[in-house]
Amino acid sequence: IFKTQLRALLRASAFGNIAIMFPMVISVNEVKQI
C-alpha cells in the first residue's frame, strides 16, 4: 500500500513542487526504513 502511494507521489513530482511528509514517527529507525 505504501509503495503504491509513493510511486504515485514521485511520478507526480515531475509536474510540480511536491514534498512528502510522514506521520506518527517516533524513532530514527522508522525514518531509515522509510
PDB file of all heavy atoms in Angstrom:
ATOM      1  N   ILE A   1       0.846  -1.203   0.000  1.00  0.00           N
ATOM      2  CA  ILE A   1       0.000   0.000   0.000  1.00  0.00           C
ATOM      3  C   ILE A   1       0.878   1.248   0.000  1.00  0.00           C
ATOM      4  O   ILE A   1       0.634   2.209  -0.739  1.00  0.00           O
ATOM      5  CB  ILE A   1      -0.922   0.012   1.236  1.00  0.00           C
ATOM      6  CG1 ILE A   1      -1.856  -1.203   1.233  1.00  0.00           C
ATOM      7  CG2 ILE A   1      -1.731   1.306   1.308  1.00  0.00           C
ATOM      8  CD1 ILE A   1      -2.654  -1.360   2.519  1.00  0.00           C
ATOM      9  N   PHE A   2       1.910   1.228   0.826  1.00  0.00           N
ATOM     10  CA  PHE A   2       2.821   2.363   0.968  1.00  0.00           C
ATOM     11  C   PHE A   2       3.539   2.648  -0.351  1.00  0.00           C
ATOM     12  O   PHE A   2       3.623   3.792  -0.808  1.00  0.00           O
ATOM     13  CB  PHE A   2       3.824   2.052   2.080  1.00  0.00           C
ATOM     14  CG  PHE A   2       4.630   3.224   2.572  1.00  0.00           C
ATOM     15  CD1 PHE A   2       4.133   4.519   2.547  1.00  0.00           C
ATOM     16  CD2 PHE A   2       5.906   3.019   3.087  1.00  0.00           C
ATOM     17  CE1 PHE A   2       4.873   5.590   3.019  1.00  0.00           C
ATOM     18  CE2 PHE A   2       6.659   4.086   3.567  1.00  0.00           C
ATOM     19  CZ  PHE A   2       6.145   5.364   3.526  1.00  0.00           C
ATOM     20  N   LYS A   3       4.050   1.601  -0.981  1.00  0.00           N
ATOM     21  CA  LYS A   3       4.791   1.783  -2.234  1.00  0.00           C
ATOM     22  C   LYS A   3       3.895   2.308  -3.347  1.00  0.00           C
ATOM     23  O   LYS A   3       4.333   3.107  -4.181  1.00  0.00           O
ATOM     24  CB  LYS A   3       5.444   0.463  -2.660  1.00  0.00           C
ATOM     25  CG  LYS A   3       6.689   0.098  -1.862  1.00  0.00           C
ATOM     26  CD  LYS A   3       7.359  -1.145  -2.426  1.00  0.00           C
ATOM     27  CE  LYS A   3       8.685  -1.421  -1.742  1.00  0.00           C
ATOM     28  NZ  LYS A   3       9.374  -2.600  -2.307  1.00  0.00           N
ATOM     29  N   THR A   4       2.653   1.880  -3.360  1.00  0.00           N
ATOM     30  CA  THR A   4       1.717   2.389  -4.369  1.00  0.00           C
ATOM     31  C   THR A   4       1.556   3.896  -4.232  1.00  0.00           C
ATOM     32  O   THR A   4       1.593   4.635  -5.223  1.00  0.00           O
ATOM     33  CB  THR A   4       0.345   1.701  -4.233  1.00  0.00           C
ATOM     34  OG1 THR A   4       0.487   0.303  -4.500  1.00  0.00           O
ATOM     35  CG2 THR A   4      -0.668   2.291  -5.199  1.00  0.00           C
ATOM     36  N   GLN A   5       1.398   4.352  -2.991  1.00  0.00           N
ATOM     37  CA  GLN A   5       1.265   5.791  -2.777  1.00  0.00           C
ATOM     38  C   GLN A   5       2.548   6.527  -3.122  1.00  0.00           C
ATOM     39  O   GLN A   5       2.513   7.587  -3.764  1.00  0.00           O
ATOM     40  CB  GLN A   5       0.865   6.091  -1.332  1.00  0.00           C
ATOM     41  CG  GLN A   5       0.683   7.595  -1.093  1.00  0.00           C
ATOM     42  CD  GLN A   5       0.105   7.949   0.263  1.00  0.00           C
ATOM     43  OE1 GLN A   5       0.356   7.254   1.248  1.00  0.00           O
ATOM     44  NE2 GLN A   5      -0.657   9.023   0.315  1.00  0.00           N
ATOM     45  N   LEU A   6       3.690   5.977  -2.723  1.00  0.00           N
ATOM     46  CA  LEU A   6       4.964   6.632  -3.003  1.00  0.00           C
ATOM     47  C   LEU A   6       5.231   6.711  -4.508  1.00  0.00           C
ATOM     48  O   LEU A   6       5.742   7.721  -5.007  1.00  0.00           O
ATOM     49  CB  LEU A   6       6.111   5.890  -2.302  1.00  0.00           C
ATOM     50  CG  LEU A   6       6.151   6.022  -0.776  1.00  0.00           C
ATOM     51  CD1 LEU A   6       7.222   5.112  -0.197  1.00  0.00           C
ATOM     52  CD2 LEU A   6       6.401   7.475  -0.359  1.00  0.00           C
ATOM     53  N   ARG A   7       4.900   5.663  -5.252  1.00  0.00           N
ATOM     54  CA  ARG A   7       5.060   5.705  -6.706  1.00  0.00           C
ATOM     55  C   ARG A   7       4.228   6.838  -7.303  1.00  0.00           C
ATOM     56  O   ARG A   7       4.706   7.598  -8.157  1.00  0.00           O
ATOM     57  CB  ARG A   7       4.633   4.362  -7.328  1.00  0.00           C
ATOM     58  CG  ARG A   7       5.669   3.251  -7.232  1.00  0.00           C
ATOM     59  CD  ARG A   7       5.139   1.976  -7.906  1.00  0.00           C
ATOM     60  NE  ARG A   7       4.866   2.193  -9.322  1.00  0.00           N
ATOM     61  CZ  ARG A   7       5.744   1.976 -10.302  1.00  0.00           C
ATOM     62  NH1 ARG A   7       6.967   1.542 -10.025  1.00  0.00           N
ATOM     63  NH2 ARG A   7       5.414   2.186 -11.567  1.00  0.00           N
ATOM     64  N   ALA A   8       2.978   6.943  -6.846  1.00  0.00           N
ATOM     65  CA  ALA A   8       2.095   7.996  -7.353  1.00  0.00           C
ATOM     66  C   ALA A   8       2.648   9.378  -7.028  1.00  0.00           C
ATOM     67  O   ALA A   8       2.645  10.286  -7.869  1.00  0.00           O
ATOM     68  CB  ALA A   8       0.698   7.825  -6.765  1.00  0.00           C
ATOM     69  N   LEU A   9       3.141   9.548  -5.804  1.00  0.00           N
ATOM     70  CA  LEU A   9       3.679  10.840  -5.380  1.00  0.00           C
ATOM     71  C   LEU A   9       4.937  11.216  -6.156  1.00  0.00           C
ATOM     72  O   LEU A   9       5.090  12.348  -6.618  1.00  0.00           O
ATOM     73  CB  LEU A   9       3.987  10.813  -3.882  1.00  0.00           C
ATOM     74  CG  LEU A   9       2.789  10.945  -2.941  1.00  0.00           C
ATOM     75  CD1 LEU A   9       3.167  10.557  -1.522  1.00  0.00           C
ATOM     76  CD2 LEU A   9       2.251  12.381  -2.977  1.00  0.00           C
ATOM     77  N   LEU A  10       5.851  10.261  -6.307  1.00  0.00           N
ATOM     78  CA  LEU A  10       7.091  10.552  -7.018  1.00  0.00           C
ATOM     79  C   LEU A  10       6.827  10.843  -8.493  1.00  0.00           C
ATOM     80  O   LEU A  10       7.424  11.758  -9.072  1.00  0.00           O
ATOM     81  CB  LEU A  10       8.065   9.384  -6.860  1.00  0.00           C
ATOM     82  CG  LEU A  10       8.684   9.249  -5.460  1.00  0.00           C
ATOM     83  CD1 LEU A  10       9.429   7.934  -5.317  1.00  0.00           C
ATOM     84  CD2 LEU A  10       9.620  10.417  -5.166  1.00  0.00           C
ATOM     85  N   ARG A  11       5.928  10.109  -9.109  1.00  0.00           N
ATOM     86  CA  ARG A  11       5.570  10.382 -10.508  1.00  0.00           C
ATOM     87  C   ARG A  11       4.987  11.797 -10.644  1.00  0.00           C
ATOM     88  O   ARG A  11       5.318  12.531 -11.570  1.00  0.00           O
ATOM     89  CB  ARG A  11       4.562   9.352 -11.004  1.00  0.00           C
ATOM     90  CG  ARG A  11       5.138   7.970 -11.283  1.00  0.00           C
ATOM     91  CD  ARG A  11       4.020   6.992 -11.622  1.00  0.00           C
ATOM     92  NE  ARG A  11       3.243   7.450 -12.780  1.00  0.00           N
ATOM     93  CZ  ARG A  11       2.027   6.993 -13.080  1.00  0.00           C
ATOM     94  NH1 ARG A  11       1.440   6.082 -12.305  1.00  0.00           N
ATOM     95  NH2 ARG A  11       1.394   7.453 -14.145  1.00  0.00           N
ATOM     96  N   ALA A  12       4.128  12.166  -9.690  1.00  0.00           N
ATOM     97  CA  ALA A  12       3.503  13.493  -9.738  1.00  0.00           C
ATOM     98  C   ALA A  12       4.516  14.602  -9.503  1.00  0.00           C
ATOM     99  O   ALA A  12       4.322  15.740  -9.963  1.00  0.00           O
ATOM    100  CB  ALA A  12       2.384  13.576  -8.699  1.00  0.00           C
ATOM    101  N   SER A  13       5.616  14.285  -8.814  1.00  0.00           N
ATOM    102  CA  SER A  13       6.620  15.314  -8.520  1.00  0.00           C
ATOM    103  C   SER A  13       7.309  15.831  -9.774  1.00  0.00           C
ATOM    104  O   SER A  13       7.972  16.868  -9.739  1.00  0.00           O
ATOM    105  CB  SER A  13       7.657  14.770  -7.530  1.00  0.00           C
ATOM    106  OG  SER A  13       8.489  13.783  -8.136  1.00  0.00           O
ATOM    107  N   ALA A  14       7.160  15.120 -10.884  1.00  0.00           N
ATOM    108  CA  ALA A  14       7.719  15.591 -12.161  1.00  0.00           C
ATOM    109  C   ALA A  14       6.906  16.753 -12.731  1.00  0.00           C
ATOM    110  O   ALA A  14       7.335  17.407 -13.685  1.00  0.00           O
ATOM    111  CB  ALA A  14       7.766  14.442 -13.167  1.00  0.00           C
ATOM    112  N   PHE A  15       5.735  17.011 -12.131  1.00  0.00           N
ATOM    113  CA  PHE A  15       4.825  18.036 -12.654  1.00  0.00           C
ATOM    114  C   PHE A  15       4.652  19.224 -11.711  1.00  0.00           C
ATOM    115  O   PHE A  15       3.798  20.083 -11.936  1.00  0.00           O
ATOM    116  CB  PHE A  15       3.457  17.410 -12.945  1.00  0.00           C
ATOM    117  CG  PHE A  15       3.511  16.323 -13.976  1.00  0.00           C
ATOM    118  CD1 PHE A  15       3.747  15.005 -13.599  1.00  0.00           C
ATOM    119  CD2 PHE A  15       3.355  16.609 -15.323  1.00  0.00           C
ATOM    120  CE1 PHE A  15       3.818  13.991 -14.549  1.00  0.00           C
ATOM    121  CE2 PHE A  15       3.417  15.601 -16.277  1.00  0.00           C
ATOM    122  CZ  PHE A  15       3.660  14.292 -15.894  1.00  0.00           C
ATOM    123  N   GLY A  16       5.446  19.268 -10.651  1.00  0.00           N
ATOM    124  CA  GLY A  16       5.320  20.379  -9.715  1.00  0.00           C
ATOM    125  C   GLY A  16       6.273  20.212  -8.545  1.00  0.00           C
ATOM    126  O   GLY A  16       7.133  19.329  -8.533  1.00  0.00           O
ATOM    127  N   ASN A  17       6.095  21.062  -7.551  1.00  0.00           N
ATOM    128  CA  ASN A  17       6.985  21.104  -6.394  1.00  0.00           C
ATOM    129  C   ASN A  17       6.370  20.322  -5.229  1.00  0.00           C
ATOM    130  O   ASN A  17       5.728  20.903  -4.347  1.00  0.00           O
ATOM    131  CB  ASN A  17       7.225  22.567  -6.013  1.00  0.00           C
ATOM    132  CG  ASN A  17       8.239  22.723  -4.907  1.00  0.00           C
ATOM    133  OD1 ASN A  17       8.851  21.761  -4.457  1.00  0.00           O
ATOM    134  ND2 ASN A  17       8.419  23.955  -4.450  1.00  0.00           N
ATOM    135  N   ILE A  18       6.548  19.018  -5.254  1.00  0.00           N
ATOM    136  CA  ILE A  18       5.951  18.154  -4.229  1.00  0.00           C
ATOM    137  C   ILE A  18       6.987  17.751  -3.179  1.00  0.00           C
ATOM    138  O   ILE A  18       8.121  17.398  -3.507  1.00  0.00           O
ATOM    139  CB  ILE A  18       5.333  16.894  -4.860  1.00  0.00           C
ATOM    140  CG1 ILE A  18       4.031  17.255  -5.594  1.00  0.00           C
ATOM    141  CG2 ILE A  18       5.063  15.809  -3.818  1.00  0.00           C
ATOM    142  CD1 ILE A  18       3.315  16.075  -6.232  1.00  0.00           C
ATOM    143  N   ALA A  19       6.587  17.827  -1.922  1.00  0.00           N
ATOM    144  CA  ALA A  19       7.370  17.296  -0.805  1.00  0.00           C
ATOM    145  C   ALA A  19       6.521  16.227  -0.122  1.00  0.00           C
ATOM    146  O   ALA A  19       5.292  16.276  -0.182  1.00  0.00           O
ATOM    147  CB  ALA A  19       7.731  18.410   0.176  1.00  0.00           C
ATOM    148  N   ILE A  20       7.161  15.262   0.500  1.00  0.00           N
ATOM    149  CA  ILE A  20       6.443  14.147   1.130  1.00  0.00           C
ATOM    150  C   ILE A  20       6.720  14.153   2.626  1.00  0.00           C
ATOM    151  O   ILE A  20       7.871  14.266   3.061  1.00  0.00           O
ATOM    152  CB  ILE A  20       6.857  12.788   0.526  1.00  0.00           C
ATOM    153  CG1 ILE A  20       6.720  12.820  -1.002  1.00  0.00           C
ATOM    154  CG2 ILE A  20       6.001  11.664   1.107  1.00  0.00           C
ATOM    155  CD1 ILE A  20       7.237  11.556  -1.691  1.00  0.00           C
ATOM    156  N   MET A  21       5.643  14.014   3.396  1.00  0.00           N
ATOM    157  CA  MET A  21       5.735  14.070   4.860  1.00  0.00           C
ATOM    158  C   MET A  21       5.118  12.811   5.466  1.00  0.00           C
ATOM    159  O   MET A  21       4.070  12.352   5.019  1.00  0.00           O
ATOM    160  CB  MET A  21       4.996  15.321   5.341  1.00  0.00           C
ATOM    161  CG  MET A  21       4.927  15.500   6.831  1.00  0.00           C
ATOM    162  SD  MET A  21       4.419  17.182   7.240  1.00  0.00           S
ATOM    163  CE  MET A  21       2.719  17.221   6.642  1.00  0.00           C
ATOM    164  N   PHE A  22       5.771  12.283   6.490  1.00  0.00           N
ATOM    165  CA  PHE A  22       5.352  11.021   7.084  1.00  0.00           C
ATOM    166  C   PHE A  22       4.853  11.230   8.517  1.00  0.00           C
ATOM    167  O   PHE A  22       5.538  11.849   9.332  1.00  0.00           O
ATOM    168  CB  PHE A  22       6.519  10.026   7.059  1.00  0.00           C
ATOM    169  CG  PHE A  22       7.107   9.861   5.675  1.00  0.00           C
ATOM    170  CD1 PHE A  22       8.231  10.595   5.295  1.00  0.00           C
ATOM    171  CD2 PHE A  22       6.515   9.021   4.749  1.00  0.00           C
ATOM    172  CE1 PHE A  22       8.763  10.472   4.015  1.00  0.00           C
ATOM    173  CE2 PHE A  22       7.038   8.886   3.467  1.00  0.00           C
ATOM    174  CZ  PHE A  22       8.161   9.616   3.099  1.00  0.00           C
ATOM    175  N   PRO A  23       3.652  10.738   8.826  1.00  0.00           N
ATOM    176  CA  PRO A  23       3.051  10.982  10.142  1.00  0.00           C
ATOM    177  C   PRO A  23       3.373   9.936  11.204  1.00  0.00           C
ATOM    178  O   PRO A  23       3.721   8.797  10.886  1.00  0.00           O
ATOM    179  CB  PRO A  23       1.544  10.939   9.822  1.00  0.00           C
ATOM    180  CG  PRO A  23       1.449   9.931   8.712  1.00  0.00           C
ATOM    181  CD  PRO A  23       2.709  10.080   7.904  1.00  0.00           C
ATOM    182  N   MET A  24       3.257  10.354  12.450  1.00  0.00           N
ATOM    183  CA  MET A  24       3.347   9.470  13.626  1.00  0.00           C
ATOM    184  C   MET A  24       4.692   8.771  13.777  1.00  0.00           C
ATOM    185  O   MET A  24       4.779   7.645  14.266  1.00  0.00           O
ATOM    186  CB  MET A  24       2.215   8.445  13.603  1.00  0.00           C
ATOM    187  CG  MET A  24       0.862   8.987  13.992  1.00  0.00           C
ATOM    188  SD  MET A  24       0.810   9.616  15.694  1.00  0.00           S
ATOM    189  CE  MET A  24       0.984   8.097  16.625  1.00  0.00           C
ATOM    190  N   VAL A  25       5.762   9.434  13.368  1.00  0.00           N
ATOM    191  CA  VAL A  25       7.109   8.870  13.525  1.00  0.00           C
ATOM    192  C   VAL A  25       7.548   9.012  14.981  1.00  0.00           C
ATOM    193  O   VAL A  25       7.359  10.064  15.598  1.00  0.00           O
ATOM    194  CB  VAL A  25       8.102   9.594  12.594  1.00  0.00           C
ATOM    195  CG1 VAL A  25       9.541   9.261  12.954  1.00  0.00           C
ATOM    196  CG2 VAL A  25       7.818   9.232  11.140  1.00  0.00           C
ATOM    197  N   ILE A  26       8.138   7.951  15.522  1.00  0.00           N
ATOM    198  CA  ILE A  26       8.607   8.013  16.912  1.00  0.00           C
ATOM    199  C   ILE A  26      10.064   7.580  17.067  1.00  0.00           C
ATOM    200  O   ILE A  26      10.594   7.582  18.166  1.00  0.00           O
ATOM    201  CB  ILE A  26       7.733   7.151  17.857  1.00  0.00           C
ATOM    202  CG1 ILE A  26       7.781   5.674  17.451  1.00  0.00           C
ATOM    203  CG2 ILE A  26       6.303   7.672  17.913  1.00  0.00           C
ATOM    204  CD1 ILE A  26       7.172   4.724  18.477  1.00  0.00           C
ATOM    205  N   SER A  27      10.725   7.200  15.955  1.00  0.00           N
ATOM    206  CA  SER A  27      12.100   6.714  16.086  1.00  0.00           C
ATOM    207  C   SER A  27      12.915   6.986  14.831  1.00  0.00           C
ATOM    208  O   SER A  27      12.367   7.115  13.728  1.00  0.00           O
ATOM    209  CB  SER A  27      12.114   5.211  16.378  1.00  0.00           C
ATOM    210  OG  SER A  27      11.711   4.472  15.228  1.00  0.00           O
ATOM    211  N   VAL A  28      14.229   7.028  14.997  1.00  0.00           N
ATOM    212  CA  VAL A  28      15.149   7.179  13.865  1.00  0.00           C
ATOM    213  C   VAL A  28      15.065   5.951  12.977  1.00  0.00           C
ATOM    214  O   VAL A  28      15.151   6.055  11.745  1.00  0.00           O
ATOM    215  CB  VAL A  28      16.586   7.397  14.375  1.00  0.00           C
ATOM    216  CG1 VAL A  28      17.576   7.373  13.215  1.00  0.00           C
ATOM    217  CG2 VAL A  28      16.692   8.711  15.138  1.00  0.00           C
ATOM    218  N   ASN A  29      14.900   4.786  13.572  1.00  0.00           N
ATOM    219  CA  ASN A  29      14.815   3.549  12.798  1.00  0.00           C
ATOM    220  C   ASN A  29      13.654   3.596  11.802  1.00  0.00           C
ATOM    221  O   ASN A  29      13.779   3.139  10.658  1.00  0.00           O
ATOM    222  CB  ASN A  29      14.648   2.354  13.738  1.00  0.00           C
ATOM    223  CG  ASN A  29      14.668   1.028  12.987  1.00  0.00           C
ATOM    224  OD1 ASN A  29      15.608   0.729  12.253  1.00  0.00           O
ATOM    225  ND2 ASN A  29      13.623   0.231  13.163  1.00  0.00           N
ATOM    226  N   GLU A  30      12.516   4.161  12.223  1.00  0.00           N
ATOM    227  CA  GLU A  30      11.382   4.286  11.313  1.00  0.00           C
ATOM    228  C   GLU A  30      11.748   5.153  10.109  1.00  0.00           C
ATOM    229  O   GLU A  30      11.407   4.822   8.969  1.00  0.00           O
ATOM    230  CB  GLU A  30      10.182   4.890  12.048  1.00  0.00           C
ATOM    231  CG  GLU A  30       9.479   3.937  12.985  1.00  0.00           C
ATOM    232  CD  GLU A  30       8.368   4.604  13.772  1.00  0.00           C
ATOM    233  OE1 GLU A  30       8.490   5.827  14.048  1.00  0.00           O
ATOM    234  OE2 GLU A  30       7.382   3.929  14.112  1.00  0.00           O
ATOM    235  N   VAL A  31      12.441   6.256  10.372  1.00  0.00           N
ATOM    236  CA  VAL A  31      12.826   7.158   9.287  1.00  0.00           C
ATOM    237  C   VAL A  31      13.765   6.446   8.314  1.00  0.00           C
ATOM    238  O   VAL A  31      13.638   6.580   7.090  1.00  0.00           O
ATOM    239  CB  VAL A  31      13.484   8.442   9.832  1.00  0.00           C
ATOM    240  CG1 VAL A  31      13.944   9.341   8.696  1.00  0.00           C
ATOM    241  CG2 VAL A  31      12.517   9.190  10.727  1.00  0.00           C
ATOM    242  N   LYS A  32      14.687   5.673   8.840  1.00  0.00           N
ATOM    243  CA  LYS A  32      15.610   4.940   7.970  1.00  0.00           C
ATOM    244  C   LYS A  32      14.868   3.901   7.134  1.00  0.00           C
ATOM    245  O   LYS A  32      15.185   3.701   5.955  1.00  0.00           O
ATOM    246  CB  LYS A  32      16.712   4.292   8.809  1.00  0.00           C
ATOM    247  CG  LYS A  32      17.679   5.325   9.401  1.00  0.00           C
ATOM    248  CD  LYS A  32      18.814   4.665  10.172  1.00  0.00           C
ATOM    249  CE  LYS A  32      19.816   5.716  10.638  1.00  0.00           C
ATOM    250  NZ  LYS A  32      20.940   5.131  11.420  1.00  0.00           N
ATOM    251  N   GLN A  33      13.882   3.236   7.726  1.00  0.00           N
ATOM    252  CA  GLN A  33      13.068   2.287   6.971  1.00  0.00           C
ATOM    253  C   GLN A  33      12.314   2.997   5.845  1.00  0.00           C
ATOM    254  O   GLN A  33      12.243   2.501   4.717  1.00  0.00           O
ATOM    255  CB  GLN A  33      12.057   1.598   7.893  1.00  0.00           C
ATOM    256  CG  GLN A  33      12.622   0.537   8.811  1.00  0.00           C
ATOM    257  CD  GLN A  33      11.522  -0.085   9.656  1.00  0.00           C
ATOM    258  OE1 GLN A  33      11.287   0.315  10.797  1.00  0.00           O
ATOM    259  NE2 GLN A  33      10.819  -1.038   9.103  1.00  0.00           N
ATOM    260  N   ILE A  34      11.747   4.147   6.179  1.00  0.00           N
ATOM    261  CA  ILE A  34      11.003   4.937   5.188  1.00  0.00           C
ATOM    262  C   ILE A  34      11.914   5.296   4.016  1.00  0.00           C
ATOM    263  O   ILE A  34      11.544   5.131   2.846  1.00  0.00           O
ATOM    264  CB  ILE A  34      10.437   6.220   5.839  1.00  0.00           C
ATOM    265  CG1 ILE A  34       9.307   5.886   6.814  1.00  0.00           C
ATOM    266  CG2 ILE A  34       9.951   7.199   4.770  1.00  0.00           C
ATOM    267  CD1 ILE A  34       8.926   7.038   7.729  1.00  0.00           C
TER     268      ILE A  34
END
